[in-house]
C-alpha atoms as a PDB file:
ATOM      1  CA  MET A   1    -111.638  -3.002 -61.867  1.00  0.00           C
ATOM      2  CA  ILE A   2    -111.229  -4.454 -58.393  1.00  0.00           C
ATOM      3  CA  HIS A   3    -113.751  -3.158 -55.901  1.00  0.00           C
ATOM      4  CA  GLY A   4    -115.246  -3.802 -52.486  1.00  0.00           C
ATOM      5  CA  THR A   5    -118.925  -3.397 -51.721  1.00  0.00           C
ATOM      6  CA  HIS A   6    -118.124  -1.360 -48.592  1.00  0.00           C
ATOM      7  CA  ASP A   7    -115.867   1.173 -50.323  1.00  0.00           C
ATOM      8  CA  VAL A   8    -117.071   4.481 -48.851  1.00  0.00           C
ATOM      9  CA  PRO A   9    -114.914   6.950 -50.890  1.00  0.00           C
ATOM     10  CA  SER A  10    -115.923   5.220 -54.116  1.00  0.00           C
ATOM     11  CA  PRO A  11    -119.369   3.636 -53.673  1.00  0.00           C
ATOM     12  CA  ILE A  12    -120.114   0.430 -55.535  1.00  0.00           C
ATOM     13  CA  GLY A  13    -123.060   2.104 -57.292  1.00  0.00           C
ATOM     14  CA  ASP A  14    -120.634   4.558 -58.904  1.00  0.00           C
ATOM     15  CA  ILE A  15    -118.478   1.673 -60.098  1.00  0.00           C
ATOM     16  CA  TYR A  16    -121.467  -0.044 -61.703  1.00  0.00           C
ATOM     17  CA  ARG A  17    -122.361   3.224 -63.471  1.00  0.00           C
ATOM     18  CA  TYR A  18    -118.749   3.532 -64.681  1.00  0.00           C
ATOM     19  CA  ALA A  19    -118.793  -0.079 -65.898  1.00  0.00           C
ATOM     20  CA  THR A  20    -122.073   0.603 -67.720  1.00  0.00           C
ATOM     21  CA  ALA A  21    -120.509   3.601 -69.477  1.00  0.00           C
ATOM     22  CA  LEU A  22    -117.407   1.608 -70.428  1.00  0.00           C
ATOM     23  CA  ASN A  23    -119.587  -1.168 -71.768  1.00  0.00           C
ATOM     24  CA  ALA A  24    -121.697   1.278 -73.812  1.00  0.00           C
ATOM     25  CA  SER A  25    -118.539   2.743 -75.330  1.00  0.00           C
ATOM     26  CA  GLY A  26    -117.242  -0.681 -76.308  1.00  0.00           C
ATOM     27  CA  LYS A  27    -114.162  -0.412 -74.085  1.00  0.00           C
ATOM     28  CA  TYR A  28    -112.791  -3.685 -72.778  1.00  0.00           C
ATOM     29  CA  PHE A  29    -112.733  -4.063 -69.017  1.00  0.00           C
ATOM     30  CA  GLU A  30    -113.167  -6.648 -66.314  1.00  0.00           C
ATOM     31  CA  LEU A  31    -114.848  -6.094 -62.970  1.00  0.00           C
ATOM     32  CA  LYS A  32    -114.438  -8.155 -59.820  1.00  0.00           C
ATOM     33  CA  VAL A  33    -116.366  -7.202 -56.705  1.00  0.00           C
ATOM     34  CA  TYR A  34    -115.472  -8.362 -53.210  1.00  0.00           C
ATOM     35  CA  GLN A  35    -118.417  -8.576 -50.824  1.00  0.00           C
ATOM     36  CA  GLY A  36    -118.002  -6.487 -47.670  1.00  0.00           C
ATOM     37  CA  LYS A  37    -114.523  -5.171 -48.463  1.00  0.00           C
ATOM     38  CA  PRO A  38    -113.635  -1.487 -47.905  1.00  0.00           C
ATOM     39  CA  HIS A  39    -111.523   0.885 -49.966  1.00  0.00           C
ATOM     40  CA  GLY A  40    -107.881  -0.203 -49.987  1.00  0.00           C
ATOM     41  CA  PHE A  41    -108.648  -3.709 -48.738  1.00  0.00           C
ATOM     42  CA  MET A  42    -105.587  -5.135 -50.495  1.00  0.00           C
ATOM     43  CA  ILE A  43    -103.053  -3.190 -48.421  1.00  0.00           C
ATOM     44  CA  GLU A  44    -102.269  -3.653 -44.731  1.00  0.00           C
ATOM     45  CA  ASN A  45     -99.439  -1.706 -43.078  1.00  0.00           C
ATOM     46  CA  GLY A  46     -98.036  -0.745 -46.470  1.00  0.00           C
ATOM     47  CA  GLN A  47     -97.865  -4.344 -47.680  1.00  0.00           C
ATOM     48  CA  LEU A  48    -100.125  -6.674 -49.630  1.00  0.00           C
ATOM     49  CA  SER A  49    -102.568  -8.102 -47.110  1.00  0.00           C
ATOM     50  CA  GLU A  50    -102.390 -11.817 -46.381  1.00  0.00           C
ATOM     51  CA  SER A  51    -106.173 -12.122 -46.678  1.00  0.00           C
ATOM     52  CA  PHE A  52    -107.672 -14.412 -49.284  1.00  0.00           C
ATOM     53  CA  GLU A  53    -109.409 -11.469 -50.955  1.00  0.00           C
ATOM     54  CA  ALA A  54    -106.220  -9.407 -51.264  1.00  0.00           C
ATOM     55  CA  LYS A  55    -104.252 -12.299 -52.708  1.00  0.00           C
ATOM     56  CA  ASP A  56    -107.091 -13.150 -55.084  1.00  0.00           C
ATOM     57  CA  ALA A  57    -107.426  -9.535 -56.239  1.00  0.00           C
ATOM     58  CA  PHE A  58    -103.665  -9.284 -56.812  1.00  0.00           C
ATOM     59  CA  ARG A  59    -103.721 -12.493 -58.877  1.00  0.00           C
ATOM     60  CA  GLU A  60    -106.687 -11.147 -60.863  1.00  0.00           C
ATOM     61  CA  MET A  61    -104.782  -7.930 -61.653  1.00  0.00           C
ATOM     62  CA  VAL A  62    -101.606  -9.750 -62.688  1.00  0.00           C
ATOM     63  CA  ASP A  63    -103.581 -12.149 -64.885  1.00  0.00           C
ATOM     64  CA  PHE A  64    -105.447  -9.234 -66.487  1.00  0.00           C
ATOM     65  CA  PHE A  65    -102.222  -7.405 -67.326  1.00  0.00           C
ATOM     66  CA  ASP A  66    -100.605 -10.603 -68.623  1.00  0.00           C
ATOM     67  CA  ARG A  67    -103.567 -11.208 -70.937  1.00  0.00           C
ATOM     68  CA  THR A  68    -104.081  -7.656 -72.172  1.00  0.00           C
ATOM     69  CA  LEU A  69    -100.551  -6.264 -72.384  1.00  0.00           C
ATOM     70  CA  ARG A  70     -99.003  -9.226 -74.159  1.00  0.00           C
ATOM     71  CA  SER A  71    -101.415  -8.975 -77.074  1.00  0.00           C
END
């Protein structure tokens, strides 16, 4: 899960509750939270944003899929 602390449509508290439920069920997941970022912070004008956070989040997602889908 990639999430910003200023995501209004999907508040960070909801994400922590979801992560808690996933953890309790034994489901594997990873969570990375970006301080101060809003919903959709990775996209700007229909493209991947050039911001550090967007590039970092994209790399995190690619790495996650590489690790979990190749197994």
